[in-house]
Structures are given as structure tokens and as C-alpha cells.
Amino acid sequence: MLLTKGLVLSEENVTDLEYIQREIAKIFALLAFALLLLLGVTDMFLGMSPVIVWVKIGLALPFLAAYFIISKYGKIKLALNVLLFLAHVVICFNFLYNDGNDGPTIYAFFLMLVVSSLLIQGWGKIAWFLGSLAMFFVLFYGESEGFIQVEHFYEGVQNQFVDHTITLLWISAFVFTVLHFFTKSYRNQSQLLHSIKLRQDQTLDEVSMLNDQKNRLIAILSHDLKNPIGMLHMTLDMVEKGLFEPGEMEQILKNLKGQSFHLNKVLNNTLGWVMTELEDKPIELHRISLLELTQEMREMMLVQAQEKNQLIEVSIEGEDQYISLEINEIKIILKNLLDNAIKFAPLNTTINLDLKISQEKLVWKVCNPGATISQADQMELFDFRARTSYGTKKEKGTGVGLPLCKRIADKINFELKYNSSREGHNCFALSKKLG
């Protein structure tokens, strides 16, 4: 909330030009009432014409009424035009009965130009501007040429000084107050718009982040399901074409059952991760045996490995433990590592899935034989960018699996890194410090 001259301004009010103009119109009406009343009383004590005294006091009342009308009903344009008209009537009387060129009327002309410039919009602003100037020149020129007769009541320079000083002080205070409110409102408006822009930029950043997150989650889902579904489709196609011997059908059906079982697990794991990310929920921990988890990952990928006549060997170092882990996320990572190992390992080879358990650290390592990744490619291995690659049986890869796994590992405070310490082998290690 912004406070200006005792007025509480909301965000909507600060950015609403009509509201600002309405408040300035109220200030104009209230100060004009006080100004006319005071000038009328002052003129009475200075011995001015009773006409100008009662014109000022009498026309002060409509300004007070305008203040309440604007406050309750609005009607800014109508009220402003009426008030400006009345103000010009007062100026005319003040010129005729308050010493003309020698009087303080010129200050009032200046005030009218300021008020009409701030409060009137459109062609009305130009009309009042030109009308005020025309009235000024007609009155002053008329007096100088003798066409207009004015009454002189100043008894001396001292009376003139007092009259001019009082008028100048009140009009200056009036202009200062109106301009202060206007500039204060404008500054508050600028600050608020800047604040709104910052919030919009923040929202755009959040939308961009969510869009990036959505793309990554879709990539995970499509990457994890692509190979299992492709293998299932290929097996069913071979069965449909009768490429298996009658005695092999029992084994094929068994393999299909295993494939569908593991495909369902992959789908559940990946969807669980996707929903956790989209709903921004805390990652769930599940207590599980490390040995059982490792064996489950081997069985999940065994059918895919057998299509290339590959073996998956599990090696356990250390005693089995039951600990609470981010099971869905770990399964997604290990599944992708094994999927890559199967894809890029030659036919009739062995893939190693090793688990090392100690009191301080937990490490899974997936190694496969094949051409090692070059130093240049290692530098960009976990960068999120699409790049096409082909396995030993022309299996197509998109290059998004490892970057996605790296992001998941970082989120659950695991370390995922590559090493090629074994000649002719590529190894990926997923580790976490315990305790």
C-alpha cells in the first residue's frame, strides 16, 4: 500500500489515471474554496470593492459543494468544467474591481493554466488553454487601450504589496500541493509498474522452468519406454509371422510375460517420478534390500540383453543392508545405464552390474565392453542436448538419457560419473555417501 497526502492508494488506484485526476480535482475544489474565502476576507480588510468581496465569498461555496459531489458521485469532467468556468468568472470580477493590471489577477491566470493542463483531457485542454489566454489578452489589452474601466482601491504601495503577497503565497501553496500530489502519484505508479514487471519476469522464468521441466519429463518417459515397447512389438511381429518353431512358443510366451511385467514396472517408476516432479511433492523414500534391488534391475533388463545374446552378471561386495532410498529415481537411473550398456555392447558379451556396500558409501557400477567414449565426448556427456547415436545393432539413441539421469542423481544427492579405467570398457558409477 502507498500513502500520499493521507490517502491510501491501492495498486489499482495508483495505476488509474482517472483516480489520480479525481483526487487532484478534490484538492483543487477544496483549496480553491479556502483560497476564495480567505481572499474575500482579506479584500474586505484591505478596503476593496464590496462587489469583489462578495463575488469571492459567494463563489467559494460552489467549490466546496463540488468537493463533496466529486467525492460521492465522481462526475469529474462536468465538475471540473463548471469549476473552471466559475474560476474565470471570479478572475474577471477580480480584474475589474481589483486594480486590473496592478492587481494580482495575473497569478490567477497562471493557476488556471496549470489546473486545466493537469486535469482536463483531450480537446478540452486546448480549448481552456486558448480560452484563458484569450481572456487574459482581452482584459489586459482592453484596459491598456481604455476600452475597459477598472476600479482602483489601493491606497498605496503598502496595500498593493500585502494584496499581492497574500495572493501569491496562497496560489503558490495551491500549485505546490497539486503538483506534489501529481508527481508523488506518478512516482508511486512508476515504482508499482516496476514491481509488476519484476513479478512478471519472475513468473515468466517460472513458466520457462516448468516448460523445461515438462520437456525433460516427457523425454524421460519416452526414453524409458521406447526400447521395451519396441522389443515387445518386434517379438509379437515375429510370432505373427510364424518365425518360431512350435516348441519355442512356450519360451516366447514366457519371455513376453516377463517383458510385460518389467515394462509395467518401468512405466510405474517413470510415472511416479513424473508425478512427483509435476506436483512438486517431496521425493518418497522406501526401505529396501540393496541386494534385492540390484537383482531386480538385472531381471528387468535380462530379456533385452538376451536379444543380443548378452549376459548381465551381478557382483556384490559387502554385506546386504536394508536402507531407505529414493527407489523410483534409482531404478530410472540404473535402468538407463543398463539400457545404454546393452545398446553399445557387442553381441555375445557380458555386462557387469556391481554393487559395493560399506559403512561410508554405496556404489553401483555398470560396465560394458566396447569402444570407449572419447575425451571430447566425455566433456559433454551429461550436457542436455539431443544427439543421435547408434548401438551395435543399429539401435537409435537420442542422447538425452544420461543428462536426464544426471539431473535426477543430483536432485537425490547421488553422484553419477563416467570412467574408462578398464581397457575397452565403459563404466558408469552411481554412488552416495552414507551417514
Protein backbone atom coordinates (compact mmCIF):
# COMPACT_ATOMS: atom_id res chain seq x y z
CA MET A 1 0.00 0.00 0.00
CA LEU A 2 1.21 3.54 -0.80
CA LEU A 3 0.40 6.60 1.33
CA THR A 4 0.17 10.04 -0.29
CA LYS A 5 -1.22 13.10 1.47
CA GLY A 6 -3.20 10.98 3.89
CA LEU A 7 -4.77 8.95 1.08
CA VAL A 8 -4.33 5.19 0.97
CA LEU A 9 -3.65 4.08 -2.61
CA SER A 10 -4.03 0.52 -3.76
CA GLU A 11 -2.20 -0.94 -6.75
CA GLU A 12 -5.32 -0.45 -8.86
CA ASN A 13 -5.67 3.21 -7.77
CA VAL A 14 -2.01 4.07 -8.34
CA THR A 15 -2.19 2.88 -11.95
CA ASP A 16 -5.59 4.53 -12.57
CA LEU A 17 -5.14 8.00 -14.11
CA GLU A 18 -8.82 8.79 -13.56
CA TYR A 19 -8.40 8.14 -9.83
CA ILE A 20 -5.38 10.46 -9.65
CA GLN A 21 -7.27 13.17 -11.55
CA ARG A 22 -10.26 12.77 -9.25
CA GLU A 23 -8.09 13.27 -6.16
CA ILE A 24 -6.42 16.32 -7.71
CA ALA A 25 -9.87 17.70 -8.62
CA LYS A 26 -10.95 17.29 -4.99
CA ILE A 27 -7.81 19.07 -3.80
CA PHE A 28 -8.41 21.80 -6.38
CA ALA A 29 -12.02 22.30 -5.22
CA LEU A 30 -11.16 22.30 -1.51
CA LEU A 31 -8.15 24.63 -1.79
CA ALA A 32 -9.99 26.94 -4.19
CA PHE A 33 -12.81 27.21 -1.62
CA ALA A 34 -10.30 28.11 1.11
CA LEU A 35 -8.41 30.47 -1.21
CA LEU A 36 -11.50 32.39 -2.35
CA LEU A 37 -12.83 32.62 1.18
CA LEU A 38 -9.54 33.93 2.53
CA LEU A 39 -9.02 36.36 -0.36
CA GLY A 40 -12.56 37.67 0.09
CA VAL A 41 -11.99 38.32 3.79
CA THR A 42 -8.58 39.87 3.05
CA ASP A 43 -10.07 42.14 0.40
CA MET A 44 -12.66 43.27 2.94
CA PHE A 45 -9.96 44.34 5.40
CA LEU A 46 -7.96 45.98 2.62
CA GLY A 47 -10.98 48.09 1.69
CA MET A 48 -11.62 46.55 -1.73
CA SER A 49 -14.91 46.88 -3.58
CA PRO A 50 -17.80 45.04 -1.88
CA VAL A 51 -18.58 43.52 -5.29
CA ILE A 52 -15.32 41.58 -5.50
CA VAL A 53 -15.51 40.66 -1.81
CA TRP A 54 -18.94 39.06 -2.10
CA VAL A 55 -18.19 37.50 -5.51
CA LYS A 56 -15.22 35.67 -3.99
CA ILE A 57 -17.06 34.64 -0.83
CA GLY A 58 -20.21 33.69 -2.76
CA LEU A 59 -18.42 31.66 -5.44
CA ALA A 60 -16.35 29.87 -2.80
CA LEU A 61 -19.43 27.87 -1.83
CA PRO A 62 -19.84 26.10 -5.23
CA PHE A 63 -16.22 24.95 -4.94
CA LEU A 64 -16.99 23.41 -1.55
CA ALA A 65 -20.10 21.76 -3.00
CA ALA A 66 -18.03 20.45 -5.91
CA TYR A 67 -15.66 18.79 -3.45
CA PHE A 68 -18.49 16.72 -1.94
CA ILE A 69 -20.06 15.97 -5.33
CA ILE A 70 -16.77 14.66 -6.74
CA SER A 71 -16.13 12.65 -3.55
CA LYS A 72 -19.56 10.98 -3.64
CA TYR A 73 -20.58 10.79 -7.30
CA GLY A 74 -17.43 11.30 -9.33
CA LYS A 75 -18.59 13.36 -12.32
CA ILE A 76 -15.08 14.72 -12.67
CA LYS A 77 -15.35 16.18 -16.17
CA LEU A 78 -18.58 18.05 -15.50
CA ALA A 79 -17.42 19.33 -12.12
CA LEU A 80 -14.05 20.47 -13.46
CA ASN A 81 -15.53 22.38 -16.36
CA VAL A 82 -18.05 24.11 -14.07
CA LEU A 83 -15.32 24.98 -11.55
CA LEU A 84 -13.02 26.33 -14.26
CA PHE A 85 -15.87 28.46 -15.59
CA LEU A 86 -16.61 29.85 -12.12
CA ALA A 87 -12.89 30.47 -11.55
CA HIS A 88 -12.72 32.53 -14.74
CA VAL A 89 -15.80 34.49 -13.61
CA VAL A 90 -14.00 35.31 -10.34
CA ILE A 91 -10.90 36.33 -12.33
CA CYS A 92 -12.94 38.74 -14.46
CA PHE A 93 -14.51 40.39 -11.41
CA ASN A 94 -11.15 40.48 -9.66
CA PHE A 95 -9.62 42.21 -12.67
CA LEU A 96 -12.41 44.79 -12.95
CA TYR A 97 -12.69 45.58 -9.23
CA ASN A 98 -9.13 44.92 -8.02
CA ASP A 99 -6.88 47.35 -9.88
CA GLY A 100 -6.67 45.50 -13.22
CA ASN A 101 -3.07 45.32 -14.39
CA ASP A 102 -1.83 46.46 -11.00
CA GLY A 103 -3.75 43.77 -9.14
CA PRO A 104 -2.86 40.09 -8.57
CA THR A 105 -5.09 38.75 -11.38
CA ILE A 106 -2.11 37.55 -13.42
CA TYR A 107 -1.35 34.93 -10.76
CA ALA A 108 -4.84 33.51 -11.12
CA PHE A 109 -4.41 33.22 -14.90
CA PHE A 110 -1.26 31.23 -14.34
CA LEU A 111 -3.10 29.00 -11.86
CA MET A 112 -5.88 28.28 -14.37
CA LEU A 113 -3.32 27.20 -16.99
CA VAL A 114 -1.76 24.77 -14.52
CA VAL A 115 -5.10 23.31 -13.42
CA SER A 116 -6.52 22.89 -16.92
CA SER A 117 -3.25 21.32 -18.17
CA LEU A 118 -3.26 18.74 -15.35
CA LEU A 119 -6.93 17.88 -15.09
CA ILE A 120 -8.57 18.33 -18.49
CA GLN A 121 -8.14 15.71 -21.21
CA GLY A 122 -8.45 15.79 -24.99
CA TRP A 123 -9.58 18.83 -26.94
CA GLY A 124 -10.97 20.42 -23.78
CA LYS A 125 -7.42 21.00 -22.54
CA ILE A 126 -6.58 23.03 -25.68
CA ALA A 127 -9.91 24.88 -25.51
CA TRP A 128 -9.38 26.01 -21.91
CA PHE A 129 -5.73 26.89 -22.62
CA LEU A 130 -6.62 29.10 -25.58
CA GLY A 131 -9.69 30.49 -23.80
CA SER A 132 -7.67 31.51 -20.72
CA LEU A 133 -5.01 33.20 -22.85
CA ALA A 134 -7.64 34.98 -24.95
CA MET A 135 -9.39 36.22 -21.81
CA PHE A 136 -6.08 37.41 -20.39
CA PHE A 137 -5.15 39.38 -23.52
CA VAL A 138 -8.64 40.85 -23.94
CA LEU A 139 -8.76 42.14 -20.36
CA PHE A 140 -5.21 43.46 -20.19
CA TYR A 141 -5.25 44.91 -23.69
CA GLY A 142 -8.68 46.42 -23.13
CA GLU A 143 -7.50 48.22 -20.01
CA SER A 144 -4.29 49.46 -21.65
CA GLU A 145 -6.29 50.92 -24.58
CA GLY A 146 -9.02 52.34 -22.39
CA PHE A 147 -11.78 50.03 -23.63
CA ILE A 148 -12.27 48.54 -20.17
CA GLN A 149 -12.60 50.59 -16.99
CA VAL A 150 -11.29 49.09 -13.77
CA GLU A 151 -11.68 50.30 -10.19
CA HIS A 152 -8.58 51.14 -8.18
CA PHE A 153 -8.66 50.69 -4.43
CA TYR A 154 -5.01 50.56 -3.44
CA GLU A 155 -4.30 53.44 -1.08
CA GLY A 156 -0.60 52.97 -1.61
CA VAL A 157 2.25 50.66 -2.35
CA GLN A 158 1.91 49.00 1.04
CA ASN A 159 -1.68 47.85 0.36
CA GLN A 160 -0.64 46.57 -3.05
CA PHE A 161 2.26 44.68 -1.51
CA VAL A 162 0.01 42.97 1.09
CA ASP A 163 -2.61 42.01 -1.51
CA HIS A 164 -0.04 40.61 -3.94
CA THR A 165 1.85 38.79 -1.19
CA ILE A 166 -1.23 37.04 0.22
CA THR A 167 -2.47 36.07 -3.23
CA LEU A 168 0.95 34.86 -4.35
CA LEU A 169 1.51 32.81 -1.18
CA TRP A 170 -1.86 31.05 -1.40
CA ILE A 171 -1.64 30.37 -5.14
CA SER A 172 1.95 29.10 -4.73
CA ALA A 173 0.81 26.78 -1.93
CA PHE A 174 -2.05 25.63 -4.13
CA VAL A 175 0.23 24.87 -7.11
CA PHE A 176 2.81 23.21 -4.86
CA THR A 177 0.19 20.92 -3.26
CA VAL A 178 -1.40 19.88 -6.55
CA LEU A 179 1.92 19.26 -8.30
CA HIS A 180 3.28 17.41 -5.27
CA PHE A 181 0.32 15.05 -5.25
CA PHE A 182 0.56 14.55 -9.01
CA THR A 183 4.32 13.82 -9.01
CA LYS A 184 4.00 11.62 -5.91
CA SER A 185 1.28 9.60 -7.60
CA TYR A 186 3.34 9.34 -10.77
CA ARG A 187 6.38 8.16 -8.80
CA ASN A 188 4.28 5.60 -6.94
CA GLN A 189 2.86 4.47 -10.26
CA SER A 190 6.35 4.04 -11.73
CA GLN A 191 7.51 2.08 -8.69
CA LEU A 192 4.45 -0.14 -8.81
CA LEU A 193 4.82 -0.78 -12.54
CA HIS A 194 8.46 -1.69 -11.95
CA SER A 195 7.38 -4.07 -9.20
CA ILE A 196 4.75 -5.59 -11.50
CA LYS A 197 7.37 -6.01 -14.23
CA LEU A 198 9.69 -7.80 -11.80
CA ARG A 199 6.85 -10.15 -10.81
CA GLN A 200 6.04 -10.77 -14.47
CA ASP A 201 9.69 -11.54 -15.21
CA GLN A 202 9.75 -13.93 -12.26
CA THR A 203 6.56 -15.59 -13.48
CA LEU A 204 8.00 -15.93 -17.00
CA ASP A 205 11.11 -17.52 -15.53
CA GLU A 206 8.96 -19.95 -13.56
CA VAL A 207 6.89 -20.77 -16.66
CA SER A 208 10.09 -21.29 -18.65
CA MET A 209 11.46 -23.53 -15.91
CA LEU A 210 8.21 -25.53 -15.78
CA ASN A 211 8.22 -25.85 -19.56
CA ASP A 212 11.81 -27.09 -19.48
CA GLN A 213 10.90 -29.48 -16.69
CA LYS A 214 7.91 -30.74 -18.67
CA ASN A 215 10.12 -31.37 -21.71
CA ARG A 216 12.62 -33.28 -19.57
CA LEU A 217 9.89 -35.40 -18.01
CA ILE A 218 8.42 -36.22 -21.41
CA ALA A 219 11.92 -37.12 -22.59
CA ILE A 220 12.39 -39.44 -19.62
CA LEU A 221 9.06 -41.13 -20.23
CA SER A 222 9.65 -41.63 -23.97
CA HIS A 223 13.27 -42.69 -23.45
CA ASP A 224 12.45 -45.31 -20.81
CA LEU A 225 9.54 -46.82 -22.72
CA LYS A 226 10.98 -46.71 -26.23
CA ASN A 227 13.14 -49.85 -26.09
CA PRO A 228 10.80 -52.11 -24.05
CA ILE A 229 7.84 -51.29 -26.27
CA GLY A 230 9.96 -51.69 -29.39
CA MET A 231 11.15 -55.14 -28.27
CA LEU A 232 7.61 -56.20 -27.37
CA HIS A 233 6.38 -55.09 -30.78
CA MET A 234 9.22 -56.92 -32.55
CA THR A 235 8.58 -60.18 -30.65
CA LEU A 236 4.86 -60.08 -31.37
CA ASP A 237 5.59 -59.38 -35.04
CA MET A 238 7.87 -62.43 -35.20
CA VAL A 239 5.19 -64.60 -33.57
CA GLU A 240 2.59 -63.32 -36.05
CA LYS A 241 4.86 -64.18 -38.98
CA GLY A 242 5.46 -67.70 -37.61
CA LEU A 243 9.21 -67.34 -37.35
CA PHE A 244 9.39 -69.54 -34.22
CA GLU A 245 9.27 -73.28 -34.01
CA PRO A 246 6.27 -74.83 -32.22
CA GLY A 247 8.48 -75.90 -29.31
CA GLU A 248 9.76 -72.37 -28.89
CA MET A 249 6.34 -70.79 -28.38
CA GLU A 250 6.21 -71.68 -24.69
CA GLN A 251 9.50 -69.88 -24.10
CA ILE A 252 8.36 -66.94 -26.22
CA LEU A 253 5.17 -66.54 -24.19
CA LYS A 254 7.20 -66.74 -21.01
CA ASN A 255 9.51 -64.02 -22.32
CA LEU A 256 6.51 -61.87 -23.32
CA LYS A 257 5.09 -62.23 -19.83
CA GLY A 258 8.42 -61.18 -18.37
CA GLN A 259 8.68 -58.27 -20.77
CA SER A 260 5.17 -57.01 -19.94
CA PHE A 261 5.89 -57.37 -16.20
CA HIS A 262 9.08 -55.34 -16.40
CA LEU A 263 7.54 -52.85 -18.82
CA ASN A 264 4.82 -52.23 -16.26
CA LYS A 265 7.47 -51.65 -13.60
CA VAL A 266 9.35 -49.23 -15.83
CA LEU A 267 6.14 -47.36 -16.53
CA ASN A 268 5.20 -47.17 -12.85
CA ASN A 269 8.67 -45.98 -11.83
CA THR A 270 8.81 -43.32 -14.52
CA LEU A 271 5.26 -42.11 -13.97
CA GLY A 272 5.93 -41.95 -10.24
CA TRP A 273 8.91 -39.69 -10.89
CA VAL A 274 6.96 -37.57 -13.38
CA MET A 275 4.08 -37.01 -10.96
CA THR A 276 6.49 -36.16 -8.14
CA GLU A 277 8.13 -33.51 -10.32
CA LEU A 278 4.90 -32.05 -11.72
CA GLU A 279 3.19 -31.84 -8.33
CA ASP A 280 6.39 -30.62 -6.67
CA LYS A 281 6.00 -33.17 -3.90
CA PRO A 282 8.79 -34.41 -1.63
CA ILE A 283 10.55 -37.46 -3.03
CA GLU A 284 9.34 -40.62 -1.33
CA LEU A 285 11.79 -42.92 0.43
CA HIS A 286 11.24 -46.69 0.61
CA ARG A 287 13.08 -49.20 2.76
CA ILE A 288 14.52 -51.98 0.62
CA SER A 289 17.26 -54.58 0.44
CA LEU A 290 20.16 -53.37 -1.70
CA LEU A 291 20.76 -56.91 -2.96
CA GLU A 292 17.09 -57.36 -3.92
CA LEU A 293 17.07 -54.02 -5.71
CA THR A 294 20.18 -54.93 -7.71
CA GLN A 295 18.81 -58.36 -8.66
CA GLU A 296 15.52 -56.80 -9.68
CA MET A 297 17.31 -54.45 -12.06
CA ARG A 298 19.16 -57.39 -13.62
CA GLU A 299 15.93 -59.33 -14.19
CA MET A 300 14.22 -56.25 -15.59
CA MET A 301 16.87 -55.86 -18.31
CA LEU A 302 17.65 -59.54 -18.92
CA VAL A 303 15.15 -60.07 -21.74
CA GLN A 304 16.54 -57.06 -23.60
CA ALA A 305 20.09 -58.37 -23.17
CA GLN A 306 19.15 -61.84 -24.37
CA GLU A 307 18.02 -60.38 -27.69
CA LYS A 308 21.72 -59.69 -28.31
CA ASN A 309 22.85 -62.89 -26.63
CA GLN A 310 24.38 -60.89 -23.79
CA LEU A 311 24.75 -61.77 -20.13
CA ILE A 312 24.26 -59.48 -17.15
CA GLU A 313 26.48 -60.51 -14.24
CA VAL A 314 25.87 -59.16 -10.76
CA SER A 315 28.73 -58.76 -8.29
CA ILE A 316 28.14 -57.80 -4.64
CA GLU A 317 30.90 -56.55 -2.35
CA GLY A 318 29.96 -56.07 1.29
CA GLU A 319 27.03 -57.19 3.43
CA ASP A 320 23.46 -56.55 2.31
CA GLN A 321 21.63 -53.71 4.05
CA TYR A 322 18.04 -52.59 4.35
CA ILE A 323 18.02 -48.82 3.99
CA SER A 324 15.58 -46.11 2.95
CA LEU A 325 16.28 -44.83 -0.57
CA GLU A 326 14.65 -42.95 -3.44
CA ILE A 327 13.68 -46.21 -5.14
CA ASN A 328 11.84 -44.85 -8.19
CA GLU A 329 14.64 -42.44 -9.06
CA ILE A 330 17.40 -45.04 -8.56
CA LYS A 331 15.57 -47.56 -10.74
CA ILE A 332 15.21 -44.99 -13.52
CA ILE A 333 18.95 -44.24 -13.43
CA LEU A 334 20.10 -47.88 -13.26
CA LYS A 335 17.63 -48.88 -15.95
CA ASN A 336 19.05 -46.21 -18.29
CA LEU A 337 22.65 -47.19 -17.52
CA LEU A 338 21.91 -50.85 -18.23
CA ASP A 339 19.94 -49.92 -21.34
CA ASN A 340 22.95 -47.98 -22.68
CA ALA A 341 25.32 -50.84 -21.78
CA ILE A 342 23.16 -53.32 -23.69
CA LYS A 343 22.81 -50.96 -26.62
CA PHE A 344 26.53 -50.26 -27.09
CA ALA A 345 28.00 -53.62 -26.04
CA PRO A 346 28.81 -56.11 -28.84
CA LEU A 347 26.80 -59.30 -29.25
CA ASN A 348 27.75 -62.32 -27.12
CA THR A 349 29.39 -60.22 -24.41
CA THR A 350 28.94 -59.79 -20.67
CA ILE A 351 27.69 -56.67 -18.94
CA ASN A 352 28.67 -56.14 -15.30
CA LEU A 353 26.35 -54.72 -12.66
CA ASP A 354 28.42 -54.33 -9.50
CA LEU A 355 27.29 -53.23 -6.05
CA LYS A 356 29.74 -52.14 -3.38
CA ILE A 357 28.39 -51.65 0.15
CA SER A 358 30.31 -50.15 3.05
CA GLN A 359 29.52 -48.15 6.15
CA GLU A 360 30.60 -44.93 4.44
CA LYS A 361 29.46 -45.32 0.84
CA LEU A 362 27.09 -47.08 -1.52
CA VAL A 363 28.17 -47.61 -5.15
CA TRP A 364 26.52 -49.20 -8.17
CA LYS A 365 28.73 -49.62 -11.22
CA VAL A 366 27.57 -50.61 -14.71
CA CYS A 367 30.32 -51.65 -17.16
CA ASN A 368 30.09 -52.89 -20.72
CA PRO A 369 32.73 -53.83 -23.30
CA GLY A 370 33.03 -51.70 -26.41
CA ALA A 371 34.76 -48.66 -27.85
CA THR A 372 35.49 -46.20 -25.04
CA ILE A 373 33.99 -42.74 -25.15
CA SER A 374 36.44 -40.12 -26.42
CA GLN A 375 37.77 -37.37 -24.18
CA ALA A 376 35.90 -34.74 -26.20
CA ASP A 377 32.59 -36.58 -25.85
CA GLN A 378 33.20 -37.15 -22.14
CA MET A 379 33.26 -33.38 -21.62
CA GLU A 380 29.69 -33.11 -22.98
CA LEU A 381 28.39 -36.47 -21.80
CA PHE A 382 25.92 -35.03 -19.30
CA ASP A 383 25.01 -31.88 -21.25
CA PHE A 384 21.33 -31.75 -22.07
CA ARG A 385 21.23 -31.68 -25.86
CA ALA A 386 19.83 -34.05 -28.45
CA ARG A 387 22.42 -36.09 -30.35
CA THR A 388 21.75 -39.20 -32.39
CA SER A 389 23.83 -42.34 -31.77
CA TYR A 390 23.53 -45.97 -32.86
CA GLY A 391 24.16 -49.17 -30.92
CA THR A 392 25.89 -52.32 -32.10
CA LYS A 393 22.66 -53.48 -33.76
CA LYS A 394 21.83 -50.02 -35.13
CA GLU A 395 19.62 -49.22 -32.14
CA LYS A 396 18.96 -45.49 -32.33
CA GLY A 397 19.70 -43.34 -29.29
CA THR A 398 18.70 -39.70 -28.69
CA GLY A 399 21.46 -38.73 -26.26
CA VAL A 400 19.07 -37.40 -23.61
CA GLY A 401 19.15 -40.41 -21.27
CA LEU A 402 22.43 -39.65 -19.49
CA PRO A 403 21.75 -35.92 -18.96
CA LEU A 404 18.34 -36.80 -17.51
CA CYS A 405 19.91 -39.40 -15.23
CA LYS A 406 22.49 -36.84 -14.11
CA ARG A 407 19.80 -34.35 -13.17
CA ILE A 408 17.84 -36.97 -11.26
CA ALA A 409 21.00 -38.10 -9.45
CA ASP A 410 21.86 -34.53 -8.47
CA LYS A 411 18.38 -33.97 -7.11
CA ILE A 412 18.54 -37.01 -4.80
CA ASN A 413 22.12 -36.21 -3.77
CA PHE A 414 23.71 -39.11 -5.61
CA GLU A 415 26.86 -38.80 -7.73
CA LEU A 416 26.81 -40.09 -11.28
CA LYS A 417 30.10 -40.17 -13.16
CA TYR A 418 31.85 -41.93 -16.03
CA ASN A 419 35.23 -43.66 -16.09
CA SER A 420 37.07 -45.89 -18.53
CA SER A 421 39.69 -47.34 -16.22
CA ARG A 422 39.18 -50.79 -17.73
CA GLU A 423 40.64 -51.08 -21.21
CA GLY A 424 37.94 -51.48 -23.85
CA HIS A 425 35.16 -50.88 -21.33
CA ASN A 426 32.81 -48.02 -20.47
CA CYS A 427 31.80 -47.75 -16.83
CA PHE A 428 29.26 -45.55 -15.07
CA ALA A 429 29.16 -45.29 -11.28
CA LEU A 430 26.15 -44.20 -9.20
CA SER A 431 27.22 -43.52 -5.61
CA LYS A 432 26.15 -41.89 -2.38
CA LYS A 433 27.87 -41.30 0.94
CA LEU A 434 26.08 -42.88 3.89
CA GLY A 435 25.80 -41.48 7.40
